[in-house]
């Protein structure tokens, strides 16, 4: 039997393909078959029914713990984002540029840190993009005035900004790994999927980069 995916004979898209994260949460649903399955277990005897009930309890506990890990990973990103906002504010003052950070952005970050609306992954993506936009504005100002690079405080602030960008990238990767685990686990039938459907769980949205960043990545740097 031949390989279903043959990298030697194609088909191959020579022009390549760009991909994007779909900004959509999918609700977990189970059909009538899952209900019939559970009824059959109880019809077969109390023991099978009780065993499956225990398995569902364990599945519910596992998903709750996984959801807490998602919260923890998201909080790490928010903490780094907030630190970066502080650094960028300092940079803006040092550069004496009127770069006004959106008050809504600051309010959202503060809300995330306090646990408000933690499941809104799409909104967290939007906040990160706003902060990235502010960072690019400051970087442009920094590049336009080469003499400022000799200023110790400014150089230190820009170095901290670069460091936090790397930390945010690492934190996003960790968060996306947990999101991937969550999105796979809630589709495991029967126990986890049934529990997820009963609790009204949905898939989670991973972090994605903005179109502006993608365009810059396609550019020529040298």
Protein backbone atom coordinates (compact mmCIF):
# COMPACT_ATOMS: atom_id res chain seq x y z
CA UNK A 1 0.00 0.00 0.00
CA UNK A 2 1.38 3.40 -1.01
CA UNK A 3 1.80 6.27 1.42
CA UNK A 4 -1.32 8.43 1.67
CA UNK A 5 0.95 11.47 2.01
CA UNK A 6 3.81 11.22 -0.46
CA UNK A 7 6.31 14.06 -0.05
CA UNK A 8 8.12 13.01 -3.22
CA UNK A 9 5.22 12.98 -5.67
CA UNK A 10 3.01 15.70 -4.18
CA UNK A 11 0.73 17.40 -4.76
CA UNK A 12 2.93 20.31 -3.68
CA UNK A 13 2.04 23.99 -3.44
CA UNK A 14 5.25 25.61 -4.69
CA UNK A 15 4.06 29.08 -3.73
CA UNK A 16 3.64 28.03 -0.10
CA UNK A 17 0.68 28.61 2.18
CA UNK A 18 0.15 31.11 4.95
CA UNK A 19 -1.87 30.00 7.96
CA UNK A 20 -3.81 31.81 10.64
CA UNK A 21 -5.36 30.95 13.99
CA UNK A 22 -9.14 30.66 13.77
CA UNK A 23 -10.67 33.00 16.35
CA UNK A 24 -13.51 30.70 17.34
CA UNK A 25 -14.42 28.61 20.38
CA UNK A 26 -16.18 25.35 19.59
CA UNK A 27 -18.73 24.09 22.14
CA UNK A 28 -18.44 20.44 23.12
CA UNK A 29 -21.57 18.47 22.34
CA UNK A 30 -22.50 14.82 22.67
CA UNK A 31 -25.32 13.03 20.91
CA UNK A 32 -28.07 10.68 21.96
CA UNK A 33 -25.64 7.79 21.66
CA UNK A 34 -23.75 8.98 24.74
CA UNK A 35 -26.97 9.05 26.77
CA UNK A 36 -27.92 5.55 25.57
CA UNK A 37 -24.41 4.34 26.40
CA UNK A 38 -24.74 5.53 29.99
CA UNK A 39 -28.23 4.03 30.36
CA UNK A 40 -26.97 0.68 29.07
CA UNK A 41 -24.23 0.69 31.71
CA UNK A 42 -26.80 1.09 34.48
CA UNK A 43 -29.07 -1.53 32.87
CA UNK A 44 -26.16 -3.98 32.83
CA UNK A 45 -25.87 -3.58 36.60
CA UNK A 46 -25.10 -1.16 39.39
CA UNK A 47 -21.37 -1.89 39.36
CA UNK A 48 -20.73 -0.78 35.71
CA UNK A 49 -22.84 2.34 36.32
CA UNK A 50 -20.96 3.22 39.51
CA UNK A 51 -17.58 2.57 37.86
CA UNK A 52 -18.44 4.92 35.00
CA UNK A 53 -19.74 7.51 37.47
CA UNK A 54 -16.39 7.39 39.31
CA UNK A 55 -14.56 7.74 35.98
CA UNK A 56 -16.63 10.82 35.18
CA UNK A 57 -15.84 12.32 38.57
CA UNK A 58 -12.13 11.75 37.94
CA UNK A 59 -12.45 13.22 34.45
CA UNK A 60 -14.20 16.27 35.89
CA UNK A 61 -11.45 16.74 38.46
CA UNK A 62 -8.77 16.42 35.79
CA UNK A 63 -10.44 18.98 33.53
CA UNK A 64 -10.85 21.38 36.45
CA UNK A 65 -7.15 21.05 37.27
CA UNK A 66 -6.23 21.54 33.62
CA UNK A 67 -8.39 24.66 33.53
CA UNK A 68 -6.47 26.00 36.53
CA UNK A 69 -3.21 25.37 34.68
CA UNK A 70 -4.58 27.37 31.76
CA UNK A 71 -5.31 30.17 34.21
CA UNK A 72 -1.80 29.97 35.61
CA UNK A 73 -0.16 30.00 32.17
CA UNK A 74 -2.36 32.90 31.04
CA UNK A 75 -1.49 34.80 34.21
CA UNK A 76 2.21 34.40 33.43
CA UNK A 77 1.66 36.06 30.06
CA UNK A 78 -0.36 38.85 31.66
CA UNK A 79 2.35 39.48 34.24
CA UNK A 80 5.01 39.80 31.55
CA UNK A 81 2.71 42.02 29.48
CA UNK A 82 2.17 44.30 32.43
CA UNK A 83 5.92 44.49 33.12
CA UNK A 84 6.48 45.34 29.48
CA UNK A 85 3.88 48.11 29.65
CA UNK A 86 5.77 49.64 32.59
CA UNK A 87 9.08 49.42 30.70
CA UNK A 88 7.52 50.95 27.59
CA UNK A 89 6.05 53.78 29.64
CA UNK A 90 9.52 54.47 31.06
CA UNK A 91 11.00 54.35 27.57
CA UNK A 92 8.40 56.80 26.32
CA UNK A 93 9.24 59.23 29.11
CA UNK A 94 12.97 58.89 28.53
CA UNK A 95 12.53 59.48 24.82
CA UNK A 96 10.28 62.41 25.60
CA UNK A 97 7.73 61.22 23.07
CA UNK A 98 4.00 61.59 23.52
CA UNK A 99 3.15 57.92 23.24
CA UNK A 100 -0.18 57.52 24.97
CA UNK A 101 -0.93 53.98 26.10
CA UNK A 102 -4.57 53.06 25.67
CA UNK A 103 -6.30 53.19 29.07
CA UNK A 104 -8.54 50.34 28.00
CA UNK A 105 -5.46 48.17 27.50
CA UNK A 106 -4.23 48.89 31.01
CA UNK A 107 -7.68 48.23 32.45
CA UNK A 108 -7.90 44.90 30.64
CA UNK A 109 -4.47 43.78 31.85
CA UNK A 110 -5.38 44.70 35.42
CA UNK A 111 -8.65 42.81 35.04
CA UNK A 112 -6.86 39.68 33.80
CA UNK A 113 -4.48 39.77 36.76
CA UNK A 114 -7.43 39.94 39.16
CA UNK A 115 -9.06 36.94 37.48
CA UNK A 116 -11.83 38.85 35.68
CA UNK A 117 -12.96 37.30 32.37
CA UNK A 118 -9.99 34.89 32.21
CA UNK A 119 -11.46 32.70 29.47
CA UNK A 120 -11.61 35.41 26.82
CA UNK A 121 -8.56 34.29 24.85
CA UNK A 122 -9.39 36.40 21.84
CA UNK A 123 -9.47 39.58 23.90
CA UNK A 124 -6.12 38.70 25.47
CA UNK A 125 -4.70 38.40 21.96
CA UNK A 126 -6.02 41.87 21.16
CA UNK A 127 -4.37 43.36 24.25
CA UNK A 128 -1.03 41.78 23.35
CA UNK A 129 -1.26 43.21 19.84
CA UNK A 130 -1.93 46.71 21.22
CA UNK A 131 1.13 46.48 23.45
CA UNK A 132 3.23 45.22 20.52
CA UNK A 133 2.08 48.25 18.54
CA UNK A 134 3.23 50.59 21.31
CA UNK A 135 6.57 48.77 21.46
CA UNK A 136 7.12 49.21 17.72
CA UNK A 137 6.38 52.95 18.01
CA UNK A 138 9.02 53.30 20.71
CA UNK A 139 11.54 51.21 18.78
CA UNK A 140 11.07 53.44 15.75
CA UNK A 141 11.64 56.54 17.87
CA UNK A 142 14.73 54.92 19.36
CA UNK A 143 16.13 54.06 15.93
CA UNK A 144 15.47 57.56 14.57
CA UNK A 145 17.73 59.12 17.19
CA UNK A 146 21.04 57.19 17.17
CA UNK A 147 22.56 59.49 19.82
CA UNK A 148 20.03 58.19 22.35
CA UNK A 149 21.60 54.73 22.22
CA UNK A 150 24.51 56.08 24.23
CA UNK A 151 22.13 57.05 27.03
CA UNK A 152 22.61 54.40 29.73
CA UNK A 153 19.05 54.49 31.13
CA UNK A 154 17.46 54.30 27.69
CA UNK A 155 19.77 51.48 26.61
CA UNK A 156 18.93 49.59 29.80
CA UNK A 157 15.20 50.11 29.31
CA UNK A 158 15.37 48.88 25.71
CA UNK A 159 17.35 45.84 26.83
CA UNK A 160 14.69 45.05 29.43
CA UNK A 161 12.02 45.43 26.75
CA UNK A 162 13.85 42.96 24.50
CA UNK A 163 14.20 40.52 27.40
CA UNK A 164 10.49 40.75 28.24
CA UNK A 165 9.58 40.15 24.60
CA UNK A 166 11.49 36.85 24.76
CA UNK A 167 9.82 35.92 28.06
CA UNK A 168 6.39 36.68 26.60
CA UNK A 169 7.18 34.48 23.59
CA UNK A 170 8.22 31.61 25.89
CA UNK A 171 5.13 32.09 28.08
CA UNK A 172 2.90 32.09 25.01
CA UNK A 173 4.44 28.83 23.84
CA UNK A 174 3.77 27.23 27.22
CA UNK A 175 0.21 28.55 27.19
CA UNK A 176 -0.38 27.27 23.65
CA UNK A 177 0.88 23.82 24.69
CA UNK A 178 -1.68 23.77 27.50
CA UNK A 179 -4.41 25.02 25.15
CA UNK A 180 -3.53 22.22 22.74
CA UNK A 181 -3.75 19.68 25.57
CA UNK A 182 -7.11 21.08 26.69
CA UNK A 183 -8.52 21.04 23.16
CA UNK A 184 -7.51 17.39 22.75
CA UNK A 185 -8.63 16.18 26.17
CA UNK A 186 -12.19 17.57 26.02
CA UNK A 187 -12.78 15.48 22.89
CA UNK A 188 -11.81 12.20 24.56
CA UNK A 189 -14.96 10.07 24.59
CA UNK A 190 -16.73 8.89 26.64
CA UNK A 191 -15.83 10.26 30.07
CA UNK A 192 -14.09 13.58 29.39
CA UNK A 193 -16.23 14.54 26.43
CA UNK A 194 -19.46 13.79 28.30
CA UNK A 195 -18.28 15.81 31.31
CA UNK A 196 -17.11 18.67 29.08
CA UNK A 197 -20.45 18.79 27.27
CA UNK A 198 -22.42 18.74 30.52
CA UNK A 199 -20.35 21.61 31.94
CA UNK A 200 -20.63 23.63 28.75
CA UNK A 201 -16.90 23.67 28.02
CA UNK A 202 -15.53 24.93 24.71
CA UNK A 203 -12.22 24.74 22.91
CA UNK A 204 -9.70 27.46 23.75
CA UNK A 205 -8.03 29.89 21.36
CA UNK A 206 -4.22 29.84 21.24
CA UNK A 207 -2.13 32.97 21.05
CA UNK A 208 -1.61 34.28 17.53
CA UNK A 209 0.45 37.06 16.02
CA UNK A 210 -0.97 40.09 14.25
CA UNK A 211 -1.09 40.58 10.48
CA UNK A 212 1.34 43.49 10.86
CA UNK A 213 3.96 41.23 12.47
CA UNK A 214 3.47 38.66 9.72
CA UNK A 215 4.04 41.31 7.07
CA UNK A 216 7.23 42.43 8.82
CA UNK A 217 8.46 38.83 8.95
CA UNK A 218 8.10 38.62 5.16
CA UNK A 219 10.23 41.72 4.71
CA UNK A 220 13.91 42.00 3.80
CA UNK A 221 16.13 42.81 6.77
CA UNK A 222 19.59 42.76 5.17
